[in-house]
Amino acid sequence: MRIGIDFDNTIACYDGVFHRAAVDRGLIPPDVGMSKNAVRDHLNSSGRKEAFTELQGWIYGPGMDLVSPYPGFDIFVDAAVGVGHAIFIVSHKTRTPLAGPAYDLHSAARNFLDLRDITGPNRIAADAIFFEETKEAKVARIGELDCDVFIDDLPEILTMRGFPDETKALLFDPLRHHNGDHPALHHVGSWEEIGELLITLG
């Protein structure tokens, strides 16, 4: 089986990271909600939308040191590779942030994967990782790779025009934000659940 996986909010877990970084920088008071969206909404409502954009660029760049993979992802990779499945990472990620310093976000993401032993021998091959500058290019890459399944946290990617009909779409939704939405998609809440669903297939 050829398994395609998104990167941000699917492999890389940012829970609490935006809040911590924003508090450390004095951008928000500590009582703002812990989620990325709560931080974004607070800054936007106070007329500091640019500050959030720059914060996001920093987190996706040098701030990746604060980020961890979702629980169970390493176990999933070991099991999937162990039974012969091919894994690809396909992400929509600009090369540099939209505002602030020109960090190389592609390099930062690859370093994240390397330092956590997600890539390498008997893991995910370095040449099986693709960072695309547009959503359209991401969807096209999924088709070019002939993925049997693709896992993403964004319904708009999985339902986008051009997403290959033959690729099974799994919506990664650990906090169940999309309960009741997008009934045509298969919803999954953890990497353990994904493993149980996929490892025995193909």
N, C-alpha and C. Protein backbone atom coordinates (compact mmCIF):
# COMPACT_ATOMS: atom_id res chain seq x y z
N MET A 1 0.84 -1.19 0.00
CA MET A 1 0.00 0.00 0.00
C MET A 1 0.88 1.25 0.00
N ARG A 2 0.43 2.24 -0.72
CA ARG A 2 1.15 3.53 -0.80
C ARG A 2 0.37 4.54 0.04
N ILE A 3 0.98 4.94 1.15
CA ILE A 3 0.32 5.77 2.15
C ILE A 3 0.89 7.19 2.11
N GLY A 4 0.06 8.16 1.80
CA GLY A 4 0.47 9.56 1.81
C GLY A 4 0.01 10.24 3.08
N ILE A 5 0.86 11.12 3.63
CA ILE A 5 0.56 11.77 4.90
C ILE A 5 0.92 13.25 4.81
N ASP A 6 0.03 14.09 5.29
CA ASP A 6 0.30 15.52 5.45
C ASP A 6 1.32 15.71 6.58
N PHE A 7 1.89 16.92 6.69
CA PHE A 7 2.89 17.16 7.73
C PHE A 7 2.33 17.97 8.91
N ASP A 8 1.99 19.24 8.68
CA ASP A 8 1.54 20.11 9.78
C ASP A 8 0.20 19.67 10.32
N ASN A 9 0.11 19.50 11.65
CA ASN A 9 -1.11 19.12 12.35
C ASN A 9 -1.59 17.71 12.02
N THR A 10 -0.72 16.93 11.38
CA THR A 10 -1.02 15.53 11.11
C THR A 10 0.12 14.67 11.64
N ILE A 11 1.36 15.04 11.29
CA ILE A 11 2.55 14.46 11.91
C ILE A 11 3.02 15.38 13.04
N ALA A 12 3.27 16.64 12.70
CA ALA A 12 3.77 17.62 13.68
C ALA A 12 2.60 18.16 14.50
N CYS A 13 2.70 18.00 15.82
CA CYS A 13 1.64 18.42 16.74
C CYS A 13 2.03 19.75 17.39
N TYR A 14 1.21 20.77 17.19
CA TYR A 14 1.51 22.10 17.69
C TYR A 14 0.70 22.45 18.94
N ASP A 15 0.11 21.45 19.59
CA ASP A 15 -0.71 21.70 20.77
C ASP A 15 0.09 22.46 21.83
N GLY A 16 -0.36 23.63 22.20
CA GLY A 16 0.28 24.44 23.23
C GLY A 16 1.48 25.24 22.77
N VAL A 17 2.02 24.94 21.58
CA VAL A 17 3.26 25.58 21.13
C VAL A 17 3.02 27.05 20.80
N PHE A 18 1.95 27.36 20.09
CA PHE A 18 1.66 28.76 19.74
C PHE A 18 1.43 29.58 21.01
N HIS A 19 0.71 29.00 21.97
CA HIS A 19 0.44 29.72 23.21
C HIS A 19 1.73 30.00 23.96
N ARG A 20 2.56 28.99 24.11
CA ARG A 20 3.83 29.15 24.83
C ARG A 20 4.71 30.21 24.18
N ALA A 21 4.83 30.14 22.85
CA ALA A 21 5.69 31.09 22.14
C ALA A 21 5.14 32.50 22.22
N ALA A 22 3.81 32.64 22.13
CA ALA A 22 3.20 33.97 22.19
C ALA A 22 3.34 34.59 23.58
N VAL A 23 3.18 33.78 24.61
CA VAL A 23 3.35 34.29 25.98
C VAL A 23 4.81 34.70 26.20
N ASP A 24 5.74 33.85 25.77
CA ASP A 24 7.16 34.14 25.94
C ASP A 24 7.55 35.45 25.27
N ARG A 25 6.89 35.76 24.15
CA ARG A 25 7.20 36.98 23.40
C ARG A 25 6.40 38.19 23.88
N GLY A 26 5.55 37.98 24.87
CA GLY A 26 4.74 39.08 25.38
C GLY A 26 3.61 39.49 24.46
N LEU A 27 3.20 38.60 23.57
CA LEU A 27 2.15 38.94 22.61
C LEU A 27 0.76 38.75 23.19
N ILE A 28 0.61 37.83 24.14
CA ILE A 28 -0.70 37.54 24.72
C ILE A 28 -0.55 37.35 26.22
N PRO A 29 -1.62 37.57 26.97
CA PRO A 29 -1.59 37.22 28.40
C PRO A 29 -1.75 35.71 28.56
N PRO A 30 -1.27 35.15 29.66
CA PRO A 30 -1.33 33.70 29.83
C PRO A 30 -2.73 33.10 29.85
N ASP A 31 -3.75 33.92 30.13
CA ASP A 31 -5.10 33.37 30.24
C ASP A 31 -5.81 33.21 28.89
N VAL A 32 -5.15 33.57 27.80
CA VAL A 32 -5.71 33.28 26.48
C VAL A 32 -5.74 31.77 26.28
N GLY A 33 -6.72 31.28 25.54
CA GLY A 33 -6.83 29.84 25.30
C GLY A 33 -5.56 29.24 24.73
N MET A 34 -5.38 27.94 24.96
CA MET A 34 -4.13 27.26 24.61
C MET A 34 -3.99 26.93 23.13
N SER A 35 -5.08 26.95 22.39
CA SER A 35 -5.02 26.51 21.00
C SER A 35 -4.42 27.57 20.08
N LYS A 36 -3.94 27.12 18.95
CA LYS A 36 -3.42 28.02 17.91
C LYS A 36 -4.50 29.01 17.50
N ASN A 37 -5.73 28.53 17.32
CA ASN A 37 -6.80 29.41 16.88
C ASN A 37 -7.12 30.47 17.92
N ALA A 38 -7.01 30.12 19.21
CA ALA A 38 -7.27 31.11 20.26
C ALA A 38 -6.23 32.22 20.23
N VAL A 39 -4.97 31.83 20.01
CA VAL A 39 -3.89 32.82 19.90
C VAL A 39 -4.11 33.70 18.69
N ARG A 40 -4.42 33.08 17.56
CA ARG A 40 -4.67 33.84 16.32
C ARG A 40 -5.82 34.81 16.49
N ASP A 41 -6.93 34.33 17.06
CA ASP A 41 -8.12 35.18 17.20
C ASP A 41 -7.84 36.35 18.14
N HIS A 42 -7.07 36.12 19.21
CA HIS A 42 -6.74 37.19 20.14
C HIS A 42 -5.92 38.27 19.44
N LEU A 43 -4.91 37.86 18.69
CA LEU A 43 -4.06 38.84 18.01
C LEU A 43 -4.81 39.56 16.90
N ASN A 44 -5.62 38.81 16.16
CA ASN A 44 -6.40 39.44 15.08
C ASN A 44 -7.37 40.47 15.64
N SER A 45 -8.04 40.12 16.75
CA SER A 45 -9.05 41.02 17.30
C SER A 45 -8.44 42.27 17.93
N SER A 46 -7.14 42.19 18.24
CA SER A 46 -6.47 43.37 18.80
C SER A 46 -5.65 44.11 17.74
N GLY A 47 -5.94 43.80 16.45
CA GLY A 47 -5.31 44.53 15.36
C GLY A 47 -3.86 44.14 15.10
N ARG A 48 -3.47 42.91 15.53
CA ARG A 48 -2.08 42.48 15.35
C ARG A 48 -2.00 41.21 14.51
N LYS A 49 -2.72 41.23 13.40
CA LYS A 49 -2.72 40.07 12.52
C LYS A 49 -1.32 39.76 12.02
N GLU A 50 -0.55 40.81 11.71
CA GLU A 50 0.82 40.61 11.22
C GLU A 50 1.69 39.92 12.27
N ALA A 51 1.42 40.21 13.55
CA ALA A 51 2.19 39.57 14.62
C ALA A 51 1.96 38.07 14.63
N PHE A 52 0.72 37.64 14.37
CA PHE A 52 0.45 36.20 14.33
C PHE A 52 1.15 35.56 13.13
N THR A 53 1.12 36.23 11.99
CA THR A 53 1.77 35.69 10.79
C THR A 53 3.27 35.51 11.04
N GLU A 54 3.89 36.49 11.69
CA GLU A 54 5.32 36.39 11.99
C GLU A 54 5.58 35.29 13.03
N LEU A 55 4.70 35.17 14.01
CA LEU A 55 4.84 34.12 15.02
C LEU A 55 4.77 32.75 14.37
N GLN A 56 3.83 32.58 13.47
CA GLN A 56 3.69 31.30 12.77
C GLN A 56 4.93 30.99 11.96
N GLY A 57 5.50 31.99 11.29
CA GLY A 57 6.73 31.79 10.53
C GLY A 57 7.87 31.34 11.42
N TRP A 58 7.96 31.94 12.63
CA TRP A 58 9.02 31.55 13.56
C TRP A 58 8.84 30.12 14.05
N ILE A 59 7.60 29.75 14.38
CA ILE A 59 7.34 28.39 14.87
C ILE A 59 7.63 27.36 13.79
N TYR A 60 7.21 27.62 12.55
CA TYR A 60 7.46 26.68 11.46
C TYR A 60 8.93 26.67 11.03
N GLY A 61 9.70 27.63 11.54
CA GLY A 61 11.14 27.67 11.25
C GLY A 61 11.94 27.22 12.46
N PRO A 62 12.66 28.13 13.14
CA PRO A 62 13.48 27.74 14.29
C PRO A 62 12.67 27.21 15.47
N GLY A 63 11.40 27.58 15.55
CA GLY A 63 10.57 27.11 16.66
C GLY A 63 10.16 25.66 16.57
N MET A 64 10.52 24.96 15.48
CA MET A 64 10.19 23.54 15.38
C MET A 64 10.84 22.71 16.48
N ASP A 65 11.85 23.27 17.15
CA ASP A 65 12.44 22.58 18.30
C ASP A 65 11.42 22.36 19.42
N LEU A 66 10.37 23.17 19.46
CA LEU A 66 9.34 23.07 20.50
C LEU A 66 8.27 22.04 20.16
N VAL A 67 8.29 21.53 18.95
CA VAL A 67 7.20 20.72 18.42
C VAL A 67 7.54 19.23 18.54
N SER A 68 6.53 18.41 18.75
CA SER A 68 6.71 16.96 18.82
C SER A 68 5.79 16.28 17.81
N PRO A 69 6.12 15.08 17.37
CA PRO A 69 5.17 14.31 16.56
C PRO A 69 3.96 13.91 17.41
N TYR A 70 2.84 13.67 16.76
CA TYR A 70 1.68 13.17 17.48
C TYR A 70 2.00 11.82 18.12
N PRO A 71 1.44 11.57 19.29
CA PRO A 71 1.68 10.28 19.95
C PRO A 71 1.33 9.11 19.03
N GLY A 72 2.21 8.14 19.01
CA GLY A 72 1.96 6.93 18.24
C GLY A 72 2.43 6.97 16.81
N PHE A 73 2.88 8.15 16.33
CA PHE A 73 3.27 8.21 14.92
C PHE A 73 4.49 7.34 14.65
N ASP A 74 5.47 7.36 15.55
CA ASP A 74 6.67 6.54 15.33
C ASP A 74 6.33 5.06 15.31
N ILE A 75 5.39 4.65 16.16
CA ILE A 75 4.97 3.25 16.18
C ILE A 75 4.28 2.89 14.87
N PHE A 76 3.46 3.81 14.37
CA PHE A 76 2.79 3.58 13.09
C PHE A 76 3.81 3.39 11.97
N VAL A 77 4.82 4.28 11.91
CA VAL A 77 5.82 4.19 10.85
C VAL A 77 6.55 2.85 10.92
N ASP A 78 6.98 2.46 12.10
CA ASP A 78 7.68 1.17 12.26
C ASP A 78 6.82 0.02 11.75
N ALA A 79 5.56 0.02 12.16
CA ALA A 79 4.68 -1.08 11.78
C ALA A 79 4.40 -1.09 10.28
N ALA A 80 4.13 0.11 9.72
CA ALA A 80 3.80 0.19 8.30
C ALA A 80 4.98 -0.22 7.42
N VAL A 81 6.15 0.31 7.73
CA VAL A 81 7.34 -0.04 6.96
C VAL A 81 7.67 -1.52 7.16
N GLY A 82 7.44 -2.01 8.36
CA GLY A 82 7.76 -3.40 8.66
C GLY A 82 6.97 -4.40 7.85
N VAL A 83 5.76 -4.04 7.44
CA VAL A 83 4.95 -4.96 6.63
C VAL A 83 4.99 -4.60 5.16
N GLY A 84 5.88 -3.66 4.80
CA GLY A 84 6.11 -3.39 3.38
C GLY A 84 5.34 -2.26 2.76
N HIS A 85 4.60 -1.46 3.56
CA HIS A 85 3.91 -0.31 3.00
C HIS A 85 4.92 0.80 2.67
N ALA A 86 4.65 1.56 1.62
CA ALA A 86 5.47 2.72 1.27
C ALA A 86 4.80 3.97 1.83
N ILE A 87 5.60 4.82 2.49
CA ILE A 87 5.05 6.04 3.11
C ILE A 87 5.64 7.27 2.42
N PHE A 88 4.76 8.21 2.11
CA PHE A 88 5.16 9.48 1.51
C PHE A 88 4.60 10.61 2.37
N ILE A 89 5.37 11.67 2.51
CA ILE A 89 4.89 12.89 3.16
C ILE A 89 4.70 13.95 2.09
N VAL A 90 3.50 14.51 2.02
CA VAL A 90 3.19 15.55 1.03
C VAL A 90 2.51 16.71 1.77
N SER A 91 3.18 17.86 1.76
CA SER A 91 2.72 19.00 2.55
C SER A 91 2.63 20.24 1.68
N HIS A 92 1.61 21.06 1.96
CA HIS A 92 1.55 22.41 1.37
C HIS A 92 2.29 23.33 2.32
N LYS A 93 3.47 23.79 1.91
CA LYS A 93 4.29 24.62 2.77
C LYS A 93 5.12 25.55 1.89
N THR A 94 4.99 26.85 2.10
CA THR A 94 5.82 27.79 1.35
C THR A 94 7.27 27.64 1.80
N ARG A 95 8.19 28.04 0.92
CA ARG A 95 9.62 27.92 1.26
C ARG A 95 10.00 28.84 2.40
N THR A 96 9.44 30.05 2.41
CA THR A 96 9.73 31.03 3.46
C THR A 96 8.41 31.58 4.00
N PRO A 97 8.41 32.15 5.22
CA PRO A 97 7.18 32.70 5.79
C PRO A 97 6.61 33.85 4.96
N LEU A 98 5.33 34.10 5.13
CA LEU A 98 4.66 35.19 4.43
C LEU A 98 5.03 36.55 5.01
N ALA A 99 5.57 36.56 6.23
CA ALA A 99 5.99 37.81 6.87
C ALA A 99 7.13 37.49 7.83
N GLY A 100 7.96 38.49 8.09
CA GLY A 100 9.06 38.30 9.02
C GLY A 100 10.30 37.74 8.34
N PRO A 101 11.27 37.28 9.13
CA PRO A 101 12.53 36.76 8.58
C PRO A 101 12.30 35.60 7.61
N ALA A 102 13.19 35.47 6.63
CA ALA A 102 13.03 34.47 5.56
C ALA A 102 13.61 33.12 5.99
N TYR A 103 13.04 32.54 7.05
CA TYR A 103 13.47 31.20 7.45
C TYR A 103 13.16 30.20 6.33
N ASP A 104 13.99 29.18 6.19
CA ASP A 104 13.74 28.11 5.23
C ASP A 104 12.83 27.08 5.91
N LEU A 105 11.56 27.15 5.64
CA LEU A 105 10.59 26.29 6.31
C LEU A 105 10.68 24.85 5.85
N HIS A 106 11.08 24.63 4.60
CA HIS A 106 11.25 23.26 4.11
C HIS A 106 12.39 22.58 4.85
N SER A 107 13.50 23.30 5.00
CA SER A 107 14.65 22.75 5.71
C SER A 107 14.31 22.49 7.17
N ALA A 108 13.56 23.39 7.80
CA ALA A 108 13.20 23.21 9.21
C ALA A 108 12.33 21.97 9.39
N ALA A 109 11.41 21.73 8.47
CA ALA A 109 10.56 20.55 8.57
C ALA A 109 11.36 19.27 8.36
N ARG A 110 12.28 19.29 7.40
CA ARG A 110 13.12 18.11 7.17
C ARG A 110 14.00 17.83 8.38
N ASN A 111 14.53 18.89 9.00
CA ASN A 111 15.35 18.71 10.21
C ASN A 111 14.51 18.12 11.34
N PHE A 112 13.28 18.57 11.47
CA PHE A 112 12.36 18.01 12.47
C PHE A 112 12.23 16.50 12.27
N LEU A 113 12.03 16.08 11.04
CA LEU A 113 11.86 14.67 10.74
C LEU A 113 13.15 13.89 10.99
N ASP A 114 14.27 14.47 10.59
CA ASP A 114 15.57 13.80 10.77
C ASP A 114 15.91 13.63 12.25
N LEU A 115 15.76 14.71 13.02
CA LEU A 115 16.16 14.69 14.43
C LEU A 115 15.30 13.77 15.27
N ARG A 116 14.11 13.45 14.81
CA ARG A 116 13.22 12.57 15.55
C ARG A 116 13.20 11.17 14.96
N ASP A 117 14.19 10.89 14.08
CA ASP A 117 14.36 9.55 13.49
C ASP A 117 13.13 9.08 12.74
N ILE A 118 12.40 10.02 12.16
CA ILE A 118 11.26 9.66 11.32
C ILE A 118 11.73 9.30 9.92
N THR A 119 12.83 9.92 9.50
CA THR A 119 13.42 9.60 8.20
C THR A 119 14.71 8.80 8.42
N GLY A 120 15.05 8.00 7.42
CA GLY A 120 16.29 7.22 7.50
C GLY A 120 16.06 5.78 7.13
N PRO A 121 17.07 4.94 7.30
CA PRO A 121 16.95 3.51 6.96
C PRO A 121 15.80 2.85 7.73
N ASN A 122 14.98 2.11 7.00
CA ASN A 122 13.83 1.42 7.58
C ASN A 122 12.81 2.37 8.19
N ARG A 123 12.84 3.62 7.76
CA ARG A 123 11.85 4.60 8.20
C ARG A 123 11.22 5.21 6.94
N ILE A 124 11.08 6.52 6.87
CA ILE A 124 10.57 7.18 5.66
C ILE A 124 11.77 7.72 4.89
N ALA A 125 11.84 7.39 3.61
CA ALA A 125 12.97 7.81 2.79
C ALA A 125 12.94 9.32 2.57
N ALA A 126 14.13 9.92 2.56
CA ALA A 126 14.22 11.38 2.37
C ALA A 126 13.63 11.80 1.03
N ASP A 127 13.76 10.95 0.01
CA ASP A 127 13.24 11.32 -1.31
C ASP A 127 11.75 11.01 -1.44
N ALA A 128 11.11 10.62 -0.34
CA ALA A 128 9.66 10.40 -0.34
C ALA A 128 8.94 11.53 0.38
N ILE A 129 9.64 12.67 0.56
CA ILE A 129 9.08 13.82 1.26
C ILE A 129 8.98 14.98 0.28
N PHE A 130 7.79 15.57 0.19
CA PHE A 130 7.54 16.62 -0.78
C PHE A 130 6.84 17.80 -0.11
N PHE A 131 7.45 18.98 -0.26
CA PHE A 131 6.84 20.22 0.21
C PHE A 131 6.46 21.05 -1.01
N GLU A 132 5.17 21.30 -1.15
CA GLU A 132 4.65 21.97 -2.33
C GLU A 132 4.21 23.39 -1.97
N GLU A 133 4.44 24.32 -2.89
CA GLU A 133 4.18 25.74 -2.64
C GLU A 133 2.69 26.11 -2.70
N THR A 134 1.87 25.27 -3.34
CA THR A 134 0.44 25.56 -3.45
C THR A 134 -0.37 24.31 -3.12
N LYS A 135 -1.62 24.52 -2.76
CA LYS A 135 -2.51 23.39 -2.49
C LYS A 135 -2.74 22.57 -3.75
N GLU A 136 -2.82 23.26 -4.88
CA GLU A 136 -3.04 22.56 -6.14
C GLU A 136 -1.88 21.62 -6.45
N ALA A 137 -0.66 22.10 -6.19
CA ALA A 137 0.51 21.26 -6.43
C ALA A 137 0.54 20.08 -5.47
N LYS A 138 0.08 20.29 -4.24
CA LYS A 138 0.03 19.20 -3.28
C LYS A 138 -0.93 18.11 -3.76
N VAL A 139 -2.12 18.50 -4.17
CA VAL A 139 -3.10 17.52 -4.64
C VAL A 139 -2.59 16.80 -5.88
N ALA A 140 -1.94 17.54 -6.78
CA ALA A 140 -1.37 16.91 -7.98
C ALA A 140 -0.30 15.89 -7.60
N ARG A 141 0.52 16.21 -6.60
CA ARG A 141 1.57 15.29 -6.16
C ARG A 141 0.98 14.00 -5.60
N ILE A 142 -0.11 14.13 -4.85
CA ILE A 142 -0.78 12.94 -4.31
C ILE A 142 -1.18 12.01 -5.45
N GLY A 143 -1.69 12.60 -6.53
CA GLY A 143 -2.06 11.80 -7.69
C GLY A 143 -0.86 11.19 -8.38
N GLU A 144 0.22 11.97 -8.54
CA GLU A 144 1.43 11.47 -9.20
C GLU A 144 2.05 10.31 -8.44
N LEU A 145 1.94 10.35 -7.12
CA LEU A 145 2.50 9.28 -6.29
C LEU A 145 1.61 8.04 -6.25
N ASP A 146 0.42 8.16 -6.82
CA ASP A 146 -0.51 7.03 -6.88
C ASP A 146 -0.80 6.50 -5.47
N CYS A 147 -1.09 7.42 -4.55
CA CYS A 147 -1.35 7.02 -3.16
C CYS A 147 -2.65 6.23 -3.08
N ASP A 148 -2.61 5.13 -2.36
CA ASP A 148 -3.83 4.36 -2.10
C ASP A 148 -4.67 5.05 -1.03
N VAL A 149 -4.00 5.74 -0.12
CA VAL A 149 -4.69 6.45 0.95
C VAL A 149 -3.91 7.73 1.25
N PHE A 150 -4.64 8.79 1.64
CA PHE A 150 -3.97 10.01 2.07
C PHE A 150 -4.62 10.50 3.35
N ILE A 151 -3.75 10.89 4.32
CA ILE A 151 -4.20 11.31 5.64
C ILE A 151 -3.89 12.78 5.82
N ASP A 152 -4.92 13.58 6.16
CA ASP A 152 -4.75 15.03 6.27
C ASP A 152 -5.71 15.55 7.32
N ASP A 153 -5.34 16.66 7.97
CA ASP A 153 -6.23 17.28 8.95
C ASP A 153 -7.18 18.30 8.32
N LEU A 154 -6.99 18.59 7.03
CA LEU A 154 -7.80 19.62 6.37
C LEU A 154 -8.81 18.99 5.41
N PRO A 155 -10.11 19.10 5.70
CA PRO A 155 -11.10 18.56 4.79
C PRO A 155 -11.02 19.19 3.40
N GLU A 156 -10.62 20.48 3.35
CA GLU A 156 -10.59 21.15 2.04
C GLU A 156 -9.57 20.54 1.10
N ILE A 157 -8.53 19.92 1.62
CA ILE A 157 -7.57 19.22 0.77
C ILE A 157 -8.18 17.91 0.27
N LEU A 158 -8.79 17.17 1.18
CA LEU A 158 -9.32 15.85 0.85
C LEU A 158 -10.55 15.93 -0.07
N THR A 159 -11.20 17.10 -0.12
CA THR A 159 -12.38 17.26 -0.98
C THR A 159 -12.11 18.22 -2.14
N MET A 160 -10.87 18.59 -2.32
CA MET A 160 -10.51 19.59 -3.32
C MET A 160 -10.64 19.02 -4.74
N ARG A 161 -11.02 19.87 -5.67
CA ARG A 161 -11.08 19.47 -7.06
C ARG A 161 -9.69 18.96 -7.49
N GLY A 162 -9.64 17.82 -8.09
CA GLY A 162 -8.38 17.23 -8.51
C GLY A 162 -7.85 16.16 -7.58
N PHE A 163 -8.38 16.10 -6.34
CA PHE A 163 -7.96 15.02 -5.44
C PHE A 163 -8.35 13.70 -6.09
N PRO A 164 -7.40 12.77 -6.22
CA PRO A 164 -7.67 11.56 -7.01
C PRO A 164 -8.80 10.71 -6.44
N ASP A 165 -9.73 10.34 -7.32
CA ASP A 165 -10.89 9.54 -6.90
C ASP A 165 -10.49 8.20 -6.32
N GLU A 166 -9.38 7.64 -6.81
CA GLU A 166 -8.98 6.31 -6.38
C GLU A 166 -8.23 6.30 -5.05
N THR A 167 -7.94 7.48 -4.50
CA THR A 167 -7.22 7.58 -3.22
C THR A 167 -8.23 7.69 -2.08
N LYS A 168 -8.13 6.78 -1.11
CA LYS A 168 -9.02 6.83 0.06
C LYS A 168 -8.59 7.99 0.95
N ALA A 169 -9.54 8.85 1.32
CA ALA A 169 -9.24 10.05 2.11
C ALA A 169 -9.56 9.80 3.58
N LEU A 170 -8.53 9.97 4.44
CA LEU A 170 -8.71 9.86 5.88
C LEU A 170 -8.54 11.24 6.50
N LEU A 171 -9.54 11.69 7.24
CA LEU A 171 -9.49 13.00 7.89
C LEU A 171 -8.97 12.81 9.32
N PHE A 172 -7.77 13.33 9.58
CA PHE A 172 -7.16 13.22 10.91
C PHE A 172 -7.74 14.33 11.79
N ASP A 173 -8.49 13.93 12.80
CA ASP A 173 -9.25 14.90 13.60
C ASP A 173 -9.24 14.47 15.07
N PRO A 174 -8.08 14.55 15.73
CA PRO A 174 -7.99 14.04 17.11
C PRO A 174 -8.86 14.78 18.11
N LEU A 175 -9.18 16.05 17.86
CA LEU A 175 -10.03 16.81 18.78
C LEU A 175 -11.48 16.83 18.33
N ARG A 176 -11.78 16.07 17.28
CA ARG A 176 -13.15 15.93 16.78
C ARG A 176 -13.80 17.27 16.45
N HIS A 177 -13.03 18.14 15.80
CA HIS A 177 -13.57 19.43 15.37
C HIS A 177 -14.61 19.25 14.27
N HIS A 178 -14.51 18.16 13.52
CA HIS A 178 -15.36 18.00 12.34
C HIS A 178 -16.41 16.92 12.52
N ASN A 179 -16.74 16.60 13.78
CA ASN A 179 -17.79 15.61 14.02
C ASN A 179 -19.08 16.01 13.31
N GLY A 180 -19.59 15.09 12.52
CA GLY A 180 -20.82 15.36 11.79
C GLY A 180 -20.62 16.05 10.46
N ASP A 181 -19.40 16.57 10.22
CA ASP A 181 -19.11 17.22 8.95
C ASP A 181 -18.48 16.21 7.99
N HIS A 182 -18.62 16.46 6.72
CA HIS A 182 -17.94 15.69 5.68
C HIS A 182 -18.15 14.18 5.86
N PRO A 183 -19.40 13.72 5.80
CA PRO A 183 -19.67 12.30 6.03
C PRO A 183 -19.03 11.38 4.99
N ALA A 184 -18.64 11.92 3.85
CA ALA A 184 -18.01 11.07 2.83
C ALA A 184 -16.58 10.71 3.21
N LEU A 185 -15.98 11.45 4.16
CA LEU A 185 -14.61 11.18 4.57
C LEU A 185 -14.59 10.21 5.74
N HIS A 186 -13.53 9.42 5.80
CA HIS A 186 -13.34 8.52 6.93
C HIS A 186 -12.59 9.29 8.02
N HIS A 187 -13.21 9.51 9.18
CA HIS A 187 -12.62 10.28 10.26
C HIS A 187 -11.79 9.36 11.16
N VAL A 188 -10.60 9.83 11.52
CA VAL A 188 -9.74 9.07 12.43
C VAL A 188 -9.22 10.02 13.51
N GLY A 189 -9.05 9.50 14.73
CA GLY A 189 -8.71 10.36 15.84
C GLY A 189 -7.33 10.18 16.42
N SER A 190 -6.60 9.17 15.97
CA SER A 190 -5.27 8.93 16.53
C SER A 190 -4.47 8.08 15.56
N TRP A 191 -3.14 8.06 15.77
CA TRP A 191 -2.30 7.21 14.94
C TRP A 191 -2.48 5.73 15.29
N GLU A 192 -2.89 5.46 16.50
CA GLU A 192 -3.20 4.07 16.85
C GLU A 192 -4.39 3.58 16.02
N GLU A 193 -5.41 4.43 15.91
CA GLU A 193 -6.58 4.08 15.12
C GLU A 193 -6.21 3.91 13.65
N ILE A 194 -5.37 4.80 13.13
CA ILE A 194 -4.95 4.69 11.74
C ILE A 194 -4.18 3.39 11.53
N GLY A 195 -3.31 3.05 12.47
CA GLY A 195 -2.55 1.81 12.37
C GLY A 195 -3.45 0.60 12.32
N GLU A 196 -4.45 0.56 13.19
CA GLU A 196 -5.38 -0.57 13.21
C GLU A 196 -6.13 -0.66 11.89
N LEU A 197 -6.41 0.47 11.29
CA LEU A 197 -7.16 0.50 10.04
C LEU A 197 -6.30 0.07 8.85
N LEU A 198 -5.03 0.49 8.83
CA LEU A 198 -4.22 0.33 7.62
C LEU A 198 -3.18 -0.78 7.65
N ILE A 199 -2.60 -1.04 8.81
CA ILE A 199 -1.43 -1.93 8.83
C ILE A 199 -1.78 -3.32 8.31
N THR A 200 -2.97 -3.76 8.54
CA THR A 200 -3.35 -5.11 8.11
C THR A 200 -3.88 -5.15 6.68
N LEU A 201 -3.96 -3.99 6.03
CA LEU A 201 -4.48 -3.93 4.67
C LEU A 201 -3.37 -3.96 3.64
N GLY A 202 -3.68 -4.35 2.45
CA GLY A 202 -2.74 -4.27 1.33
C GLY A 202 -1.64 -5.31 1.40
